[in-house]
Amino acid sequence: MIIPIAGGAAVVLAAVALYLATPHQCWGELPFAAAAYGRSGAAMLVSGLLMLLSWAGPATALFIVATLLMTIWSVVPVVIAWWRNKRKGAA
């Protein structure tokens, strides 16, 4: 049961890292270069996919990865924008 959880967590972390690697991310200043986030995100995505492939069939694993990526890439920008707007309102 730990393999699918670890694979899903790796895919979620990969989605966040790949989002931070984009030039139009709204997080702000990052401590590392965007290329570092891109490479680490790609590595985590591959490792998460391999973990999920060892647990489920190929189609299921790919759909899990695609669903997690779409969810994170839809939610993270909205949460960051909301958080930044809330901080500006408090200051």
PDB file of N, CA and C in Angstrom:
ATOM      1  N   MET A   1       0.818  -1.200   0.000  1.00  0.00           N
ATOM      2  CA  MET A   1       0.000   0.000   0.000  1.00  0.00           C
ATOM      3  C   MET A   1       0.856   1.257   0.000  1.00  0.00           C
ATOM      4  N   ILE A   2       2.125   1.150   0.386  1.00  0.00           N
ATOM      5  CA  ILE A   2       2.983   2.327   0.423  1.00  0.00           C
ATOM      6  C   ILE A   2       3.414   2.757  -0.978  1.00  0.00           C
ATOM      7  N   ILE A   3       3.507   1.820  -1.917  1.00  0.00           N
ATOM      8  CA  ILE A   3       3.957   2.150  -3.276  1.00  0.00           C
ATOM      9  C   ILE A   3       2.996   3.114  -3.971  1.00  0.00           C
ATOM     10  N   PRO A   4       1.690   2.877  -3.988  1.00  0.00           N
ATOM     11  CA  PRO A   4       0.820   3.851  -4.672  1.00  0.00           C
ATOM     12  C   PRO A   4       0.783   5.211  -3.970  1.00  0.00           C
ATOM     13  N   ILE A   5       0.892   5.220  -2.665  1.00  0.00           N
ATOM     14  CA  ILE A   5       0.896   6.499  -1.945  1.00  0.00           C
ATOM     15  C   ILE A   5       2.175   7.266  -2.262  1.00  0.00           C
ATOM     16  N   ALA A   6       3.312   6.576  -2.245  1.00  0.00           N
ATOM     17  CA  ALA A   6       4.581   7.229  -2.572  1.00  0.00           C
ATOM     18  C   ALA A   6       4.601   7.685  -4.027  1.00  0.00           C
ATOM     19  N   GLY A   7       4.049   6.881  -4.918  1.00  0.00           N
ATOM     20  CA  GLY A   7       3.987   7.274  -6.326  1.00  0.00           C
ATOM     21  C   GLY A   7       3.098   8.494  -6.536  1.00  0.00           C
ATOM     22  N   GLY A   8       1.957   8.511  -5.863  1.00  0.00           N
ATOM     23  CA  GLY A   8       1.073   9.672  -5.962  1.00  0.00           C
ATOM     24  C   GLY A   8       1.701  10.921  -5.376  1.00  0.00           C
ATOM     25  N   ALA A   9       2.400  10.769  -4.254  1.00  0.00           N
ATOM     26  CA  ALA A   9       3.076  11.922  -3.643  1.00  0.00           C
ATOM     27  C   ALA A   9       4.192  12.436  -4.550  1.00  0.00           C
ATOM     28  N   ALA A  10       4.917  11.541  -5.192  1.00  0.00           N
ATOM     29  CA  ALA A  10       5.971  11.960  -6.113  1.00  0.00           C
ATOM     30  C   ALA A  10       5.389  12.717  -7.298  1.00  0.00           C
ATOM     31  N   VAL A  11       4.250  12.270  -7.796  1.00  0.00           N
ATOM     32  CA  VAL A  11       3.610  12.958  -8.924  1.00  0.00           C
ATOM     33  C   VAL A  11       3.104  14.335  -8.488  1.00  0.00           C
ATOM     34  N   VAL A  12       2.538  14.439  -7.296  1.00  0.00           N
ATOM     35  CA  VAL A  12       2.062  15.733  -6.792  1.00  0.00           C
ATOM     36  C   VAL A  12       3.237  16.699  -6.628  1.00  0.00           C
ATOM     37  N   LEU A  13       4.326  16.245  -6.030  1.00  0.00           N
ATOM     38  CA  LEU A  13       5.514  17.093  -5.876  1.00  0.00           C
ATOM     39  C   LEU A  13       6.103  17.464  -7.230  1.00  0.00           C
ATOM     40  N   ALA A  14       6.064  16.534  -8.175  1.00  0.00           N
ATOM     41  CA  ALA A  14       6.557  16.816  -9.520  1.00  0.00           C
ATOM     42  C   ALA A  14       5.699  17.888 -10.191  1.00  0.00           C
ATOM     43  N   ALA A  15       4.397  17.818 -10.002  1.00  0.00           N
ATOM     44  CA  ALA A  15       3.507  18.817 -10.607  1.00  0.00           C
ATOM     45  C   ALA A  15       3.795  20.200 -10.045  1.00  0.00           C
ATOM     46  N   VAL A  16       4.021  20.293  -8.744  1.00  0.00           N
ATOM     47  CA  VAL A  16       4.336  21.590  -8.136  1.00  0.00           C
ATOM     48  C   VAL A  16       5.685  22.093  -8.646  1.00  0.00           C
ATOM     49  N   ALA A  17       6.686  21.221  -8.713  1.00  0.00           N
ATOM     50  CA  ALA A  17       8.002  21.628  -9.202  1.00  0.00           C
ATOM     51  C   ALA A  17       7.940  22.064 -10.661  1.00  0.00           C
ATOM     52  N   LEU A  18       7.192  21.345 -11.475  1.00  0.00           N
ATOM     53  CA  LEU A  18       7.060  21.730 -12.882  1.00  0.00           C
ATOM     54  C   LEU A  18       6.286  23.041 -13.024  1.00  0.00           C
ATOM     55  N   TYR A  19       5.319  23.284 -12.149  1.00  0.00           N
ATOM     56  CA  TYR A  19       4.627  24.573 -12.166  1.00  0.00           C
ATOM     57  C   TYR A  19       5.595  25.699 -11.820  1.00  0.00           C
ATOM     58  N   LEU A  20       6.442  25.475 -10.821  1.00  0.00           N
ATOM     59  CA  LEU A  20       7.402  26.506 -10.425  1.00  0.00           C
ATOM     60  C   LEU A  20       8.455  26.746 -11.494  1.00  0.00           C
ATOM     61  N   ALA A  21       8.660  25.811 -12.399  1.00  0.00           N
ATOM     62  CA  ALA A  21       9.631  25.964 -13.476  1.00  0.00           C
ATOM     63  C   ALA A  21       9.100  26.822 -14.622  1.00  0.00           C
ATOM     64  N   THR A  22       7.811  27.081 -14.658  1.00  0.00           N
ATOM     65  CA  THR A  22       7.244  27.863 -15.750  1.00  0.00           C
ATOM     66  C   THR A  22       7.570  29.342 -15.573  1.00  0.00           C
ATOM     67  N   PRO A  23       7.708  30.059 -16.684  1.00  0.00           N
ATOM     68  CA  PRO A  23       8.077  31.471 -16.562  1.00  0.00           C
ATOM     69  C   PRO A  23       6.962  32.353 -15.996  1.00  0.00           C
ATOM     70  N   HIS A  24       5.711  31.941 -16.090  1.00  0.00           N
ATOM     71  CA  HIS A  24       4.595  32.774 -15.632  1.00  0.00           C
ATOM     72  C   HIS A  24       4.015  32.317 -14.304  1.00  0.00           C
ATOM     73  N   GLN A  25       4.787  31.594 -13.509  1.00  0.00           N
ATOM     74  CA  GLN A  25       4.295  31.174 -12.195  1.00  0.00           C
ATOM     75  C   GLN A  25       4.154  32.402 -11.311  1.00  0.00           C
ATOM     76  N   CYS A  26       3.215  32.366 -10.403  1.00  0.00           N
ATOM     77  CA  CYS A  26       2.943  33.552  -9.573  1.00  0.00           C
ATOM     78  C   CYS A  26       3.402  33.370  -8.132  1.00  0.00           C
ATOM     79  N   TRP A  27       4.319  32.436  -7.891  1.00  0.00           N
ATOM     80  CA  TRP A  27       4.831  32.218  -6.531  1.00  0.00           C
ATOM     81  C   TRP A  27       5.695  33.396  -6.094  1.00  0.00           C
ATOM     82  N   GLY A  28       6.516  33.901  -6.993  1.00  0.00           N
ATOM     83  CA  GLY A  28       7.422  34.992  -6.668  1.00  0.00           C
ATOM     84  C   GLY A  28       8.861  34.542  -6.841  1.00  0.00           C
ATOM     85  N   GLU A  29       9.768  35.164  -6.116  1.00  0.00           N
ATOM     86  CA  GLU A  29      11.182  34.805  -6.186  1.00  0.00           C
ATOM     87  C   GLU A  29      11.395  33.391  -5.647  1.00  0.00           C
ATOM     88  N   LEU A  30      12.185  32.625  -6.390  1.00  0.00           N
ATOM     89  CA  LEU A  30      12.469  31.249  -5.999  1.00  0.00           C
ATOM     90  C   LEU A  30      13.934  31.127  -5.602  1.00  0.00           C
ATOM     91  N   PRO A  31      14.241  30.234  -4.663  1.00  0.00           N
ATOM     92  CA  PRO A  31      15.633  30.108  -4.209  1.00  0.00           C
ATOM     93  C   PRO A  31      16.544  29.430  -5.232  1.00  0.00           C
ATOM     94  N   PHE A  32      15.984  28.717  -6.190  1.00  0.00           N
ATOM     95  CA  PHE A  32      16.781  28.016  -7.197  1.00  0.00           C
ATOM     96  C   PHE A  32      16.348  28.466  -8.582  1.00  0.00           C
ATOM     97  N   ALA A  33      17.154  28.145  -9.589  1.00  0.00           N
ATOM     98  CA  ALA A  33      16.826  28.472 -10.966  1.00  0.00           C
ATOM     99  C   ALA A  33      15.639  27.632 -11.436  1.00  0.00           C
ATOM    100  N   ALA A  34      14.914  28.168 -12.401  1.00  0.00           N
ATOM    101  CA  ALA A  34      13.745  27.457 -12.921  1.00  0.00           C
ATOM    102  C   ALA A  34      14.135  26.124 -13.541  1.00  0.00           C
ATOM    103  N   ALA A  35      15.314  26.061 -14.138  1.00  0.00           N
ATOM    104  CA  ALA A  35      15.757  24.804 -14.759  1.00  0.00           C
ATOM    105  C   ALA A  35      15.923  23.698 -13.716  1.00  0.00           C
ATOM    106  N   ALA A  36      16.343  24.065 -12.521  1.00  0.00           N
ATOM    107  CA  ALA A  36      16.487  23.058 -11.461  1.00  0.00           C
ATOM    108  C   ALA A  36      15.127  22.487 -11.076  1.00  0.00           C
ATOM    109  N   TYR A  37      14.126  23.352 -11.016  1.00  0.00           N
ATOM    110  CA  TYR A  37      12.779  22.867 -10.721  1.00  0.00           C
ATOM    111  C   TYR A  37      12.260  21.979 -11.857  1.00  0.00           C
ATOM    112  N   GLY A  38      12.567  22.350 -13.084  1.00  0.00           N
ATOM    113  CA  GLY A  38      12.127  21.544 -14.217  1.00  0.00           C
ATOM    114  C   GLY A  38      12.750  20.164 -14.238  1.00  0.00           C
ATOM    115  N   ARG A  39      14.070  20.105 -13.996  1.00  0.00           N
ATOM    116  CA  ARG A  39      14.750  18.803 -13.996  1.00  0.00           C
ATOM    117  C   ARG A  39      14.293  17.931 -12.830  1.00  0.00           C
ATOM    118  N   SER A  40      14.171  18.527 -11.647  1.00  0.00           N
ATOM    119  CA  SER A  40      13.732  17.718 -10.503  1.00  0.00           C
ATOM    120  C   SER A  40      12.275  17.293 -10.663  1.00  0.00           C
ATOM    121  N   GLY A  41      11.456  18.160 -11.228  1.00  0.00           N
ATOM    122  CA  GLY A  41      10.061  17.796 -11.476  1.00  0.00           C
ATOM    123  C   GLY A  41       9.939  16.660 -12.475  1.00  0.00           C
ATOM    124  N   ALA A  42      10.742  16.705 -13.523  1.00  0.00           N
ATOM    125  CA  ALA A  42      10.715  15.619 -14.507  1.00  0.00           C
ATOM    126  C   ALA A  42      11.190  14.306 -13.888  1.00  0.00           C
ATOM    127  N   ALA A  43      12.227  14.374 -13.073  1.00  0.00           N
ATOM    128  CA  ALA A  43      12.729  13.157 -12.420  1.00  0.00           C
ATOM    129  C   ALA A  43      11.692  12.580 -11.453  1.00  0.00           C
ATOM    130  N   MET A  44      11.039  13.453 -10.680  1.00  0.00           N
ATOM    131  CA  MET A  44      10.011  12.963  -9.756  1.00  0.00           C
ATOM    132  C   MET A  44       8.809  12.404 -10.508  1.00  0.00           C
ATOM    133  N   LEU A  45       8.478  13.016 -11.650  1.00  0.00           N
ATOM    134  CA  LEU A  45       7.357  12.523 -12.444  1.00  0.00           C
ATOM    135  C   LEU A  45       7.640  11.124 -12.982  1.00  0.00           C
ATOM    136  N   VAL A  46       8.840  10.918 -13.469  1.00  0.00           N
ATOM    137  CA  VAL A  46       9.204   9.591 -13.983  1.00  0.00           C
ATOM    138  C   VAL A  46       9.224   8.563 -12.849  1.00  0.00           C
ATOM    139  N   SER A  47       9.797   8.942 -11.712  1.00  0.00           N
ATOM    140  CA  SER A  47       9.844   7.978 -10.602  1.00  0.00           C
ATOM    141  C   SER A  47       8.441   7.684 -10.069  1.00  0.00           C
ATOM    142  N   GLY A  48       7.582   8.687  -9.991  1.00  0.00           N
ATOM    143  CA  GLY A  48       6.204   8.452  -9.558  1.00  0.00           C
ATOM    144  C   GLY A  48       5.457   7.563 -10.526  1.00  0.00           C
ATOM    145  N   LEU A  49       5.663   7.803 -11.814  1.00  0.00           N
ATOM    146  CA  LEU A  49       5.012   6.960 -12.820  1.00  0.00           C
ATOM    147  C   LEU A  49       5.512   5.525 -12.730  1.00  0.00           C
ATOM    148  N   LEU A  50       6.798   5.341 -12.527  1.00  0.00           N
ATOM    149  CA  LEU A  50       7.330   3.980 -12.399  1.00  0.00           C
ATOM    150  C   LEU A  50       6.774   3.273 -11.165  1.00  0.00           C
ATOM    151  N   MET A  51       6.634   4.020 -10.064  1.00  0.00           N
ATOM    152  CA  MET A  51       6.044   3.406  -8.869  1.00  0.00           C
ATOM    153  C   MET A  51       4.598   2.997  -9.125  1.00  0.00           C
ATOM    154  N   LEU A  52       3.851   3.874  -9.784  1.00  0.00           N
ATOM    155  CA  LEU A  52       2.459   3.541 -10.071  1.00  0.00           C
ATOM    156  C   LEU A  52       2.345   2.410 -11.083  1.00  0.00           C
ATOM    157  N   LEU A  53       3.280   2.347 -12.031  1.00  0.00           N
ATOM    158  CA  LEU A  53       3.268   1.242 -12.993  1.00  0.00           C
ATOM    159  C   LEU A  53       3.564  -0.091 -12.323  1.00  0.00           C
ATOM    160  N   SER A  54       4.363  -0.080 -11.265  1.00  0.00           N
ATOM    161  CA  SER A  54       4.636  -1.340 -10.566  1.00  0.00           C
ATOM    162  C   SER A  54       3.438  -1.798  -9.745  1.00  0.00           C
ATOM    163  N   TRP A  55       2.513  -0.884  -9.471  1.00  0.00           N
ATOM    164  CA  TRP A  55       1.344  -1.213  -8.659  1.00  0.00           C
ATOM    165  C   TRP A  55       0.101  -1.476  -9.508  1.00  0.00           C
ATOM    166  N   ALA A  56      -0.061  -0.699 -10.574  1.00  0.00           N
ATOM    167  CA  ALA A  56      -1.276  -0.810 -11.399  1.00  0.00           C
ATOM    168  C   ALA A  56      -0.873  -1.065 -12.850  1.00  0.00           C
ATOM    169  N   GLY A  57      -1.864  -1.274 -13.674  1.00  0.00           N
ATOM    170  CA  GLY A  57      -1.622  -1.466 -15.098  1.00  0.00           C
ATOM    171  C   GLY A  57      -1.221  -0.168 -15.768  1.00  0.00           C
ATOM    172  N   PRO A  58      -0.745  -0.254 -17.007  1.00  0.00           N
ATOM    173  CA  PRO A  58      -0.252   0.942 -17.686  1.00  0.00           C
ATOM    174  C   PRO A  58      -1.316   2.020 -17.884  1.00  0.00           C
ATOM    175  N   ALA A  59      -2.493   1.643 -18.318  1.00  0.00           N
ATOM    176  CA  ALA A  59      -3.541   2.639 -18.552  1.00  0.00           C
ATOM    177  C   ALA A  59      -3.970   3.291 -17.239  1.00  0.00           C
ATOM    178  N   THR A  60      -4.147   2.490 -16.216  1.00  0.00           N
ATOM    179  CA  THR A  60      -4.552   3.032 -14.914  1.00  0.00           C
ATOM    180  C   THR A  60      -3.500   3.972 -14.365  1.00  0.00           C
ATOM    181  N   ALA A  61      -2.235   3.578 -14.448  1.00  0.00           N
ATOM    182  CA  ALA A  61      -1.156   4.425 -13.930  1.00  0.00           C
ATOM    183  C   ALA A  61      -1.087   5.741 -14.691  1.00  0.00           C
ATOM    184  N   LEU A  62      -1.211   5.689 -16.005  1.00  0.00           N
ATOM    185  CA  LEU A  62      -1.164   6.920 -16.791  1.00  0.00           C
ATOM    186  C   LEU A  62      -2.348   7.830 -16.482  1.00  0.00           C
ATOM    187  N   PHE A  63      -3.523   7.265 -16.299  1.00  0.00           N
ATOM    188  CA  PHE A  63      -4.681   8.089 -15.962  1.00  0.00           C
ATOM    189  C   PHE A  63      -4.563   8.674 -14.553  1.00  0.00           C
ATOM    190  N   ILE A  64      -3.971   7.940 -13.629  1.00  0.00           N
ATOM    191  CA  ILE A  64      -3.741   8.482 -12.284  1.00  0.00           C
ATOM    192  C   ILE A  64      -2.793   9.668 -12.371  1.00  0.00           C
ATOM    193  N   VAL A  65      -1.706   9.505 -13.109  1.00  0.00           N
ATOM    194  CA  VAL A  65      -0.731  10.586 -13.257  1.00  0.00           C
ATOM    195  C   VAL A  65      -1.369  11.792 -13.931  1.00  0.00           C
ATOM    196  N   ALA A  66      -2.107  11.572 -15.015  1.00  0.00           N
ATOM    197  CA  ALA A  66      -2.746  12.689 -15.721  1.00  0.00           C
ATOM    198  C   ALA A  66      -3.758  13.410 -14.831  1.00  0.00           C
ATOM    199  N   THR A  67      -4.514  12.657 -14.069  1.00  0.00           N
ATOM    200  CA  THR A  67      -5.505  13.278 -13.176  1.00  0.00           C
ATOM    201  C   THR A  67      -4.834  14.094 -12.083  1.00  0.00           C
ATOM    202  N   LEU A  68      -3.786  13.550 -11.482  1.00  0.00           N
ATOM    203  CA  LEU A  68      -3.075  14.298 -10.448  1.00  0.00           C
ATOM    204  C   LEU A  68      -2.428  15.558 -11.012  1.00  0.00           C
ATOM    205  N   LEU A  69      -1.815  15.454 -12.194  1.00  0.00           N
ATOM    206  CA  LEU A  69      -1.198  16.630 -12.804  1.00  0.00           C
ATOM    207  C   LEU A  69      -2.236  17.708 -13.099  1.00  0.00           C
ATOM    208  N   MET A  70      -3.352  17.320 -13.701  1.00  0.00           N
ATOM    209  CA  MET A  70      -4.389  18.306 -14.022  1.00  0.00           C
ATOM    210  C   MET A  70      -4.961  18.948 -12.765  1.00  0.00           C
ATOM    211  N   THR A  71      -5.142  18.159 -11.726  1.00  0.00           N
ATOM    212  CA  THR A  71      -5.687  18.704 -10.488  1.00  0.00           C
ATOM    213  C   THR A  71      -4.720  19.705  -9.853  1.00  0.00           C
ATOM    214  N   ILE A  72      -3.474  19.328  -9.736  1.00  0.00           N
ATOM    215  CA  ILE A  72      -2.490  20.220  -9.125  1.00  0.00           C
ATOM    216  C   ILE A  72      -2.302  21.468  -9.972  1.00  0.00           C
ATOM    217  N   TRP A  73      -2.202  21.324 -11.285  1.00  0.00           N
ATOM    218  CA  TRP A  73      -1.996  22.495 -12.142  1.00  0.00           C
ATOM    219  C   TRP A  73      -3.226  23.386 -12.205  1.00  0.00           C
ATOM    220  N   SER A  74      -4.367  22.896 -11.788  1.00  0.00           N
ATOM    221  CA  SER A  74      -5.570  23.736 -11.720  1.00  0.00           C
ATOM    222  C   SER A  74      -5.710  24.409 -10.364  1.00  0.00           C
ATOM    223  N   VAL A  75      -5.322  23.730  -9.301  1.00  0.00           N
ATOM    224  CA  VAL A  75      -5.554  24.233  -7.947  1.00  0.00           C
ATOM    225  C   VAL A  75      -4.423  25.138  -7.461  1.00  0.00           C
ATOM    226  N   VAL A  76      -3.177  24.765  -7.727  1.00  0.00           N
ATOM    227  CA  VAL A  76      -2.037  25.502  -7.169  1.00  0.00           C
ATOM    228  C   VAL A  76      -2.020  26.975  -7.587  1.00  0.00           C
ATOM    229  N   PRO A  77      -2.213  27.332  -8.861  1.00  0.00           N
ATOM    230  CA  PRO A  77      -2.207  28.763  -9.200  1.00  0.00           C
ATOM    231  C   PRO A  77      -3.310  29.552  -8.499  1.00  0.00           C
ATOM    232  N   VAL A  78      -4.473  28.957  -8.352  1.00  0.00           N
ATOM    233  CA  VAL A  78      -5.575  29.649  -7.678  1.00  0.00           C
ATOM    234  C   VAL A  78      -5.265  29.839  -6.197  1.00  0.00           C
ATOM    235  N   VAL A  79      -4.721  28.821  -5.555  1.00  0.00           N
ATOM    236  CA  VAL A  79      -4.381  28.923  -4.133  1.00  0.00           C
ATOM    237  C   VAL A  79      -3.283  29.962  -3.919  1.00  0.00           C
ATOM    238  N   ILE A  80      -2.277  29.980  -4.788  1.00  0.00           N
ATOM    239  CA  ILE A  80      -1.197  30.960  -4.640  1.00  0.00           C
ATOM    240  C   ILE A  80      -1.736  32.373  -4.833  1.00  0.00           C
ATOM    241  N   ALA A  81      -2.563  32.579  -5.848  1.00  0.00           N
ATOM    242  CA  ALA A  81      -3.133  33.909  -6.078  1.00  0.00           C
ATOM    243  C   ALA A  81      -4.005  34.335  -4.907  1.00  0.00           C
ATOM    244  N   TRP A  82      -4.801  33.425  -4.372  1.00  0.00           N
ATOM    245  CA  TRP A  82      -5.644  33.746  -3.217  1.00  0.00           C
ATOM    246  C   TRP A  82      -4.793  34.097  -2.006  1.00  0.00           C
ATOM    247  N   TRP A  83      -3.738  33.316  -1.771  1.00  0.00           N
ATOM    248  CA  TRP A  83      -2.864  33.551  -0.626  1.00  0.00           C
ATOM    249  C   TRP A  83      -2.145  34.891  -0.746  1.00  0.00           C
ATOM    250  N   ARG A  84      -1.653  35.201  -1.945  1.00  0.00           N
ATOM    251  CA  ARG A  84      -0.956  36.478  -2.137  1.00  0.00           C
ATOM    252  C   ARG A  84      -1.910  37.654  -1.991  1.00  0.00           C
ATOM    253  N   ASN A  85      -3.128  37.514  -2.480  1.00  0.00           N
ATOM    254  CA  ASN A  85      -4.123  38.578  -2.369  1.00  0.00           C
ATOM    255  C   ASN A  85      -4.523  38.781  -0.907  1.00  0.00           C
ATOM    256  N   LYS A  86      -4.641  37.688  -0.163  1.00  0.00           N
ATOM    257  CA  LYS A  86      -4.986  37.776   1.264  1.00  0.00           C
ATOM    258  C   LYS A  86      -3.873  38.467   2.030  1.00  0.00           C
ATOM    259  N   ARG A  87      -2.620  38.179   1.710  1.00  0.00           N
ATOM    260  CA  ARG A  87      -1.494  38.833   2.376  1.00  0.00           C
ATOM    261  C   ARG A  87      -1.454  40.322   2.071  1.00  0.00           C
ATOM    262  N   LYS A  88      -1.776  40.704   0.836  1.00  0.00           N
ATOM    263  CA  LYS A  88      -1.785  42.126   0.480  1.00  0.00           C
ATOM    264  C   LYS A  88      -2.890  42.872   1.208  1.00  0.00           C
ATOM    265  N   GLY A  89      -4.032  42.210   1.408  1.00  0.00           N
ATOM    266  CA  GLY A  89      -5.143  42.819   2.109  1.00  0.00           C
ATOM    267  C   GLY A  89      -4.856  43.013   3.596  1.00  0.00           C
ATOM    268  N   ALA A  90      -4.052  42.129   4.175  1.00  0.00           N
ATOM    269  CA  ALA A  90      -3.741  42.216   5.599  1.00  0.00           C
ATOM    270  C   ALA A  90      -2.692  43.290   5.887  1.00  0.00           C
ATOM    271  N   ALA A  91      -1.871  43.595   4.883  1.00  0.00           N
ATOM    272  CA  ALA A  91      -0.792  44.571   5.096  1.00  0.00           C
ATOM    273  C   ALA A  91      -1.264  45.997   4.946  1.00  0.00           C
TER     274      ALA A  91
END
